[in-house]
Each structure stands twice: as structure tokens, then as C-alpha cells.
PDB file of N, CA and C in Angstrom:
ATOM      1  N   UNK A   1      11.246   7.932  -2.724  1.00  0.00           N
ATOM      2  CA  UNK A   1      11.909   7.416  -1.541  1.00  0.00           C
ATOM      3  C   UNK A   1      12.217   5.941  -1.735  1.00  0.00           C
ATOM      4  N   UNK A   2      13.277   5.523  -1.157  1.00  0.00           N
ATOM      5  CA  UNK A   2      13.689   4.140  -1.283  1.00  0.00           C
ATOM      6  C   UNK A   2      13.884   3.557   0.103  1.00  0.00           C
ATOM      7  N   UNK A   3      13.203   2.475   0.392  1.00  0.00           N
ATOM      8  CA  UNK A   3      13.284   1.852   1.712  1.00  0.00           C
ATOM      9  C   UNK A   3      14.695   1.343   1.998  1.00  0.00           C
ATOM     10  N   UNK A   4      15.438   0.952   0.966  1.00  0.00           N
ATOM     11  CA  UNK A   4      16.791   0.453   1.187  1.00  0.00           C
ATOM     12  C   UNK A   4      17.737   1.580   1.578  1.00  0.00           C
ATOM     13  N   UNK A   5      17.488   2.785   1.079  1.00  0.00           N
ATOM     14  CA  UNK A   5      18.327   3.930   1.403  1.00  0.00           C
ATOM     15  C   UNK A   5      18.028   4.456   2.799  1.00  0.00           C
ATOM     16  N   UNK A   6      16.836   4.230   3.288  1.00  0.00           N
ATOM     17  CA  UNK A   6      16.422   4.702   4.602  1.00  0.00           C
ATOM     18  C   UNK A   6      15.760   3.550   5.353  1.00  0.00           C
ATOM     19  N   UNK A   7      16.484   2.890   6.252  1.00  0.00           N
ATOM     20  CA  UNK A   7      15.916   1.733   6.953  1.00  0.00           C
ATOM     21  C   UNK A   7      14.732   2.084   7.843  1.00  0.00           C
ATOM     22  N   UNK A   8      14.541   3.370   8.162  1.00  0.00           N
ATOM     23  CA  UNK A   8      13.404   3.793   8.977  1.00  0.00           C
ATOM     24  C   UNK A   8      12.122   3.907   8.144  1.00  0.00           C
ATOM     25  N   UNK A   9      12.239   3.854   6.837  1.00  0.00           N
ATOM     26  CA  UNK A   9      11.111   4.050   5.944  1.00  0.00           C
ATOM     27  C   UNK A   9      10.260   2.783   5.859  1.00  0.00           C
ATOM     28  N   UNK A  10       8.974   2.937   6.070  1.00  0.00           N
ATOM     29  CA  UNK A  10       8.053   1.819   5.922  1.00  0.00           C
ATOM     30  C   UNK A  10       7.551   1.775   4.493  1.00  0.00           C
ATOM     31  N   UNK A  11       7.355   0.587   3.994  1.00  0.00           N
ATOM     32  CA  UNK A  11       6.797   0.395   2.657  1.00  0.00           C
ATOM     33  C   UNK A  11       5.476  -0.340   2.829  1.00  0.00           C
ATOM     34  N   UNK A  12       4.402   0.298   2.397  1.00  0.00           N
ATOM     35  CA  UNK A  12       3.089  -0.319   2.536  1.00  0.00           C
ATOM     36  C   UNK A  12       2.423  -0.440   1.171  1.00  0.00           C
ATOM     37  N   UNK A  13       1.530  -1.393   1.076  1.00  0.00           N
ATOM     38  CA  UNK A  13       0.745  -1.578  -0.141  1.00  0.00           C
ATOM     39  C   UNK A  13      -0.704  -1.236   0.163  1.00  0.00           C
ATOM     40  N   UNK A  14      -1.335  -0.529  -0.749  1.00  0.00           N
ATOM     41  CA  UNK A  14      -2.761  -0.255  -0.656  1.00  0.00           C
ATOM     42  C   UNK A  14      -3.461  -1.104  -1.697  1.00  0.00           C
ATOM     43  N   UNK A  15      -4.411  -1.899  -1.247  1.00  0.00           N
ATOM     44  CA  UNK A  15      -5.194  -2.730  -2.160  1.00  0.00           C
ATOM     45  C   UNK A  15      -6.654  -2.508  -1.852  1.00  0.00           C
ATOM     46  N   UNK A  16      -7.382  -2.069  -2.844  1.00  0.00           N
ATOM     47  CA  UNK A  16      -8.796  -1.789  -2.652  1.00  0.00           C
ATOM     48  C   UNK A  16      -9.529  -2.117  -3.935  1.00  0.00           C
ATOM     49  N   UNK A  17     -10.606  -2.838  -3.802  1.00  0.00           N
ATOM     50  CA  UNK A  17     -11.432  -3.154  -4.959  1.00  0.00           C
ATOM     51  C   UNK A  17     -12.243  -1.916  -5.310  1.00  0.00           C
ATOM     52  N   UNK A  18     -11.884  -1.273  -6.397  1.00  0.00           N
ATOM     53  CA  UNK A  18     -12.531  -0.023  -6.782  1.00  0.00           C
ATOM     54  C   UNK A  18     -13.646  -0.228  -7.803  1.00  0.00           C
ATOM     55  N   UNK A  19     -14.039  -1.483  -8.032  1.00  0.00           N
ATOM     56  CA  UNK A  19     -15.119  -1.736  -8.981  1.00  0.00           C
ATOM     57  C   UNK A  19     -16.454  -1.203  -8.471  1.00  0.00           C
ATOM     58  N   UNK A  20     -16.642  -1.217  -7.160  1.00  0.00           N
ATOM     59  CA  UNK A  20     -17.847  -0.662  -6.551  1.00  0.00           C
ATOM     60  C   UNK A  20     -17.430   0.564  -5.755  1.00  0.00           C
ATOM     61  N   UNK A  21     -17.492   1.734  -6.365  1.00  0.00           N
ATOM     62  CA  UNK A  21     -16.948   2.939  -5.726  1.00  0.00           C
ATOM     63  C   UNK A  21     -17.853   3.517  -4.629  1.00  0.00           C
ATOM     64  N   UNK A  22     -17.991   2.774  -3.539  1.00  0.00           N
ATOM     65  CA  UNK A  22     -18.740   3.287  -2.398  1.00  0.00           C
ATOM     66  C   UNK A  22     -17.939   4.397  -1.731  1.00  0.00           C
ATOM     67  N   UNK A  23     -18.653   5.379  -1.218  1.00  0.00           N
ATOM     68  CA  UNK A  23     -17.988   6.528  -0.598  1.00  0.00           C
ATOM     69  C   UNK A  23     -17.060   6.097   0.538  1.00  0.00           C
ATOM     70  N   UNK A  24     -17.513   5.162   1.379  1.00  0.00           N
ATOM     71  CA  UNK A  24     -16.674   4.733   2.504  1.00  0.00           C
ATOM     72  C   UNK A  24     -15.386   4.075   2.013  1.00  0.00           C
ATOM     73  N   UNK A  25     -15.448   3.354   0.894  1.00  0.00           N
ATOM     74  CA  UNK A  25     -14.246   2.738   0.329  1.00  0.00           C
ATOM     75  C   UNK A  25     -13.283   3.799  -0.186  1.00  0.00           C
ATOM     76  N   UNK A  26     -13.819   4.778  -0.899  1.00  0.00           N
ATOM     77  CA  UNK A  26     -12.985   5.847  -1.449  1.00  0.00           C
ATOM     78  C   UNK A  26     -12.339   6.670  -0.343  1.00  0.00           C
ATOM     79  N   UNK A  27     -13.101   6.953   0.713  1.00  0.00           N
ATOM     80  CA  UNK A  27     -12.550   7.726   1.825  1.00  0.00           C
ATOM     81  C   UNK A  27     -11.465   6.938   2.556  1.00  0.00           C
ATOM     82  N   UNK A  28     -11.654   5.641   2.701  1.00  0.00           N
ATOM     83  CA  UNK A  28     -10.626   4.807   3.331  1.00  0.00           C
ATOM     84  C   UNK A  28      -9.352   4.770   2.506  1.00  0.00           C
ATOM     85  N   UNK A  29      -9.502   4.661   1.206  1.00  0.00           N
ATOM     86  CA  UNK A  29      -8.366   4.639   0.293  1.00  0.00           C
ATOM     87  C   UNK A  29      -7.622   5.968   0.336  1.00  0.00           C
ATOM     88  N   UNK A  30      -8.373   7.070   0.264  1.00  0.00           N
ATOM     89  CA  UNK A  30      -7.768   8.406   0.314  1.00  0.00           C
ATOM     90  C   UNK A  30      -7.094   8.652   1.662  1.00  0.00           C
ATOM     91  N   UNK A  31      -7.724   8.205   2.733  1.00  0.00           N
ATOM     92  CA  UNK A  31      -7.137   8.365   4.066  1.00  0.00           C
ATOM     93  C   UNK A  31      -5.844   7.592   4.219  1.00  0.00           C
ATOM     94  N   UNK A  32      -5.793   6.403   3.651  1.00  0.00           N
ATOM     95  CA  UNK A  32      -4.561   5.612   3.692  1.00  0.00           C
ATOM     96  C   UNK A  32      -3.427   6.291   2.952  1.00  0.00           C
ATOM     97  N   UNK A  33      -3.730   6.848   1.791  1.00  0.00           N
ATOM     98  CA  UNK A  33      -2.719   7.575   1.023  1.00  0.00           C
ATOM     99  C   UNK A  33      -2.251   8.819   1.772  1.00  0.00           C
ATOM    100  N   UNK A  34      -3.189   9.540   2.348  1.00  0.00           N
ATOM    101  CA  UNK A  34      -2.851  10.767   3.071  1.00  0.00           C
ATOM    102  C   UNK A  34      -1.973  10.468   4.277  1.00  0.00           C
ATOM    103  N   UNK A  35      -2.334   9.442   5.040  1.00  0.00           N
ATOM    104  CA  UNK A  35      -1.552   9.095   6.223  1.00  0.00           C
ATOM    105  C   UNK A  35      -0.144   8.649   5.829  1.00  0.00           C
ATOM    106  N   UNK A  36      -0.040   7.859   4.773  1.00  0.00           N
ATOM    107  CA  UNK A  36       1.273   7.409   4.310  1.00  0.00           C
ATOM    108  C   UNK A  36       2.138   8.594   3.892  1.00  0.00           C
ATOM    109  N   UNK A  37       1.544   9.554   3.193  1.00  0.00           N
ATOM    110  CA  UNK A  37       2.296  10.737   2.759  1.00  0.00           C
ATOM    111  C   UNK A  37       2.754  11.561   3.956  1.00  0.00           C
ATOM    112  N   UNK A  38       1.869  11.759   4.939  1.00  0.00           N
ATOM    113  CA  UNK A  38       2.222  12.528   6.135  1.00  0.00           C
ATOM    114  C   UNK A  38       3.307  11.835   6.954  1.00  0.00           C
ATOM    115  N   UNK A  39       3.314  10.511   6.930  1.00  0.00           N
ATOM    116  CA  UNK A  39       4.271   9.741   7.720  1.00  0.00           C
ATOM    117  C   UNK A  39       5.583   9.515   6.992  1.00  0.00           C
ATOM    118  N   UNK A  40       5.632   9.888   5.706  1.00  0.00           N
ATOM    119  CA  UNK A  40       6.845   9.687   4.922  1.00  0.00           C
ATOM    120  C   UNK A  40       7.037   8.246   4.489  1.00  0.00           C
ATOM    121  N   UNK A  41       5.959   7.489   4.439  1.00  0.00           N
ATOM    122  CA  UNK A  41       6.041   6.091   4.026  1.00  0.00           C
ATOM    123  C   UNK A  41       6.073   5.981   2.508  1.00  0.00           C
ATOM    124  N   UNK A  42       6.694   4.920   2.028  1.00  0.00           N
ATOM    125  CA  UNK A  42       6.649   4.571   0.619  1.00  0.00           C
ATOM    126  C   UNK A  42       5.340   3.818   0.412  1.00  0.00           C
ATOM    127  N   UNK A  43       4.431   4.409  -0.312  1.00  0.00           N
ATOM    128  CA  UNK A  43       3.088   3.862  -0.480  1.00  0.00           C
ATOM    129  C   UNK A  43       2.927   3.347  -1.905  1.00  0.00           C
ATOM    130  N   UNK A  44       2.635   2.067  -2.044  1.00  0.00           N
ATOM    131  CA  UNK A  44       2.477   1.442  -3.344  1.00  0.00           C
ATOM    132  C   UNK A  44       1.013   1.069  -3.520  1.00  0.00           C
ATOM    133  N   UNK A  45       0.408   1.543  -4.581  1.00  0.00           N
ATOM    134  CA  UNK A  45      -0.974   1.178  -4.883  1.00  0.00           C
ATOM    135  C   UNK A  45      -0.921   0.032  -5.879  1.00  0.00           C
ATOM    136  N   UNK A  46      -1.438  -1.112  -5.453  1.00  0.00           N
ATOM    137  CA  UNK A  46      -1.339  -2.305  -6.277  1.00  0.00           C
ATOM    138  C   UNK A  46      -2.620  -3.117  -6.135  1.00  0.00           C
ATOM    139  N   UNK A  47      -3.419  -3.230  -7.200  1.00  0.00           N
ATOM    140  CA  UNK A  47      -4.646  -4.007  -7.099  1.00  0.00           C
ATOM    141  C   UNK A  47      -4.393  -5.507  -6.945  1.00  0.00           C
ATOM    142  N   UNK A  48      -3.157  -5.932  -7.148  1.00  0.00           N
ATOM    143  CA  UNK A  48      -2.811  -7.342  -7.021  1.00  0.00           C
ATOM    144  C   UNK A  48      -1.857  -7.589  -5.858  1.00  0.00           C
ATOM    145  N   UNK A  49      -1.908  -6.745  -4.837  1.00  0.00           N
ATOM    146  CA  UNK A  49      -0.984  -6.861  -3.701  1.00  0.00           C
ATOM    147  C   UNK A  49      -1.074  -8.221  -3.033  1.00  0.00           C
ATOM    148  N   UNK A  50      -2.256  -8.813  -2.990  1.00  0.00           N
ATOM    149  CA  UNK A  50      -2.392 -10.123  -2.362  1.00  0.00           C
ATOM    150  C   UNK A  50      -1.596 -11.183  -3.112  1.00  0.00           C
ATOM    151  N   UNK A  51      -1.485 -11.057  -4.407  1.00  0.00           N
ATOM    152  CA  UNK A  51      -0.701 -12.016  -5.194  1.00  0.00           C
ATOM    153  C   UNK A  51       0.795 -11.750  -5.076  1.00  0.00           C
ATOM    154  N   UNK A  52       1.163 -10.476  -5.016  1.00  0.00           N
ATOM    155  CA  UNK A  52       2.575 -10.108  -4.908  1.00  0.00           C
ATOM    156  C   UNK A  52       3.138 -10.553  -3.569  1.00  0.00           C
ATOM    157  N   UNK A  53       2.371 -10.361  -2.502  1.00  0.00           N
ATOM    158  CA  UNK A  53       2.840 -10.717  -1.165  1.00  0.00           C
ATOM    159  C   UNK A  53       3.074 -12.213  -1.050  1.00  0.00           C
ATOM    160  N   UNK A  54       2.222 -13.015  -1.663  1.00  0.00           N
ATOM    161  CA  UNK A  54       2.353 -14.460  -1.571  1.00  0.00           C
ATOM    162  C   UNK A  54       3.383 -15.049  -2.520  1.00  0.00           C
ATOM    163  N   UNK A  55       3.924 -14.247  -3.422  1.00  0.00           N
ATOM    164  CA  UNK A  55       4.859 -14.743  -4.421  1.00  0.00           C
ATOM    165  C   UNK A  55       6.298 -14.469  -4.014  1.00  0.00           C
ATOM    166  N   UNK A  56       7.102 -15.513  -3.996  1.00  0.00           N
ATOM    167  CA  UNK A  56       8.524 -15.339  -3.703  1.00  0.00           C
ATOM    168  C   UNK A  56       9.263 -14.809  -4.927  1.00  0.00           C
ATOM    169  N   UNK A  57       8.671 -14.959  -6.097  1.00  0.00           N
ATOM    170  CA  UNK A  57       9.305 -14.507  -7.333  1.00  0.00           C
ATOM    171  C   UNK A  57       9.170 -13.007  -7.534  1.00  0.00           C
ATOM    172  N   UNK A  58       8.225 -12.377  -6.853  1.00  0.00           N
ATOM    173  CA  UNK A  58       7.973 -10.949  -7.070  1.00  0.00           C
ATOM    174  C   UNK A  58       9.147 -10.085  -6.623  1.00  0.00           C
ATOM    175  N   UNK A  59       9.859 -10.508  -5.583  1.00  0.00           N
ATOM    176  CA  UNK A  59      10.993  -9.738  -5.097  1.00  0.00           C
ATOM    177  C   UNK A  59      10.598  -8.437  -4.423  1.00  0.00           C
ATOM    178  N   UNK A  60       9.346  -8.304  -4.040  1.00  0.00           N
ATOM    179  CA  UNK A  60       8.837  -7.088  -3.410  1.00  0.00           C
ATOM    180  C   UNK A  60       8.418  -7.420  -1.987  1.00  0.00           C
ATOM    181  N   UNK A  61       8.842  -6.594  -1.055  1.00  0.00           N
ATOM    182  CA  UNK A  61       8.429  -6.808   0.328  1.00  0.00           C
ATOM    183  C   UNK A  61       7.702  -5.569   0.835  1.00  0.00           C
ATOM    184  N   UNK A  62       6.769  -5.804   1.726  1.00  0.00           N
ATOM    185  CA  UNK A  62       6.008  -4.724   2.329  1.00  0.00           C
ATOM    186  C   UNK A  62       6.042  -4.881   3.839  1.00  0.00           C
ATOM    187  N   UNK A  63       6.024  -3.755   4.536  1.00  0.00           N
ATOM    188  CA  UNK A  63       5.923  -3.773   5.993  1.00  0.00           C
ATOM    189  C   UNK A  63       4.473  -3.879   6.440  1.00  0.00           C
ATOM    190  N   UNK A  64       3.565  -3.549   5.563  1.00  0.00           N
ATOM    191  CA  UNK A  64       2.153  -3.623   5.890  1.00  0.00           C
ATOM    192  C   UNK A  64       1.296  -3.491   4.654  1.00  0.00           C
ATOM    193  N   UNK A  65       0.039  -3.871   4.809  1.00  0.00           N
ATOM    194  CA  UNK A  65      -0.913  -3.795   3.712  1.00  0.00           C
ATOM    195  C   UNK A  65      -2.216  -3.223   4.248  1.00  0.00           C
ATOM    196  N   UNK A  66      -2.756  -2.256   3.545  1.00  0.00           N
ATOM    197  CA  UNK A  66      -4.086  -1.745   3.831  1.00  0.00           C
ATOM    198  C   UNK A  66      -4.969  -2.259   2.711  1.00  0.00           C
ATOM    199  N   UNK A  67      -5.902  -3.134   3.055  1.00  0.00           N
ATOM    200  CA  UNK A  67      -6.744  -3.759   2.030  1.00  0.00           C
ATOM    201  C   UNK A  67      -8.197  -3.733   2.465  1.00  0.00           C
ATOM    202  N   UNK A  68      -9.052  -3.744   1.471  1.00  0.00           N
ATOM    203  CA  UNK A  68     -10.487  -3.818   1.745  1.00  0.00           C
ATOM    204  C   UNK A  68     -11.067  -4.890   0.869  1.00  0.00           C
TER     205      UNK A  68
END
């Protein structure tokens, strides 16, 4: 899916520190992916989303971020 082709499409980033795989973290991550898929959102998993969002050079925009 492409957000530019469909202006109704939300683009979100999922950022989660997976170095400590606590069950609650994994369930939150999986729930975010599931909800995005059910909603038809463009879901990007990016461990560096905080850096991409703050960078004007990245050329990537998000409507929201789910981070832990």
C-alpha cells in the first residue's frame, strides 16, 4: 500500500527495543502490527524510527509512532 496513492491511508512506525524480550513488550508489538493490518494502515517496523522522525533528510513521514 502506498500512502500517496490513498490519502486515507495512515502510515505508522513501530519502534520497540527487542533486546529484552519481555512478554508484555512482545504482545504490545504484535498487537500494534495486528491492529495496523486490520485497519489497513501502512505499518513500518523501524528500530531507528526516533532518528528518522527527527531527520529532515530522511524524506519519510509518519502519521503516528508506536514506541516502547
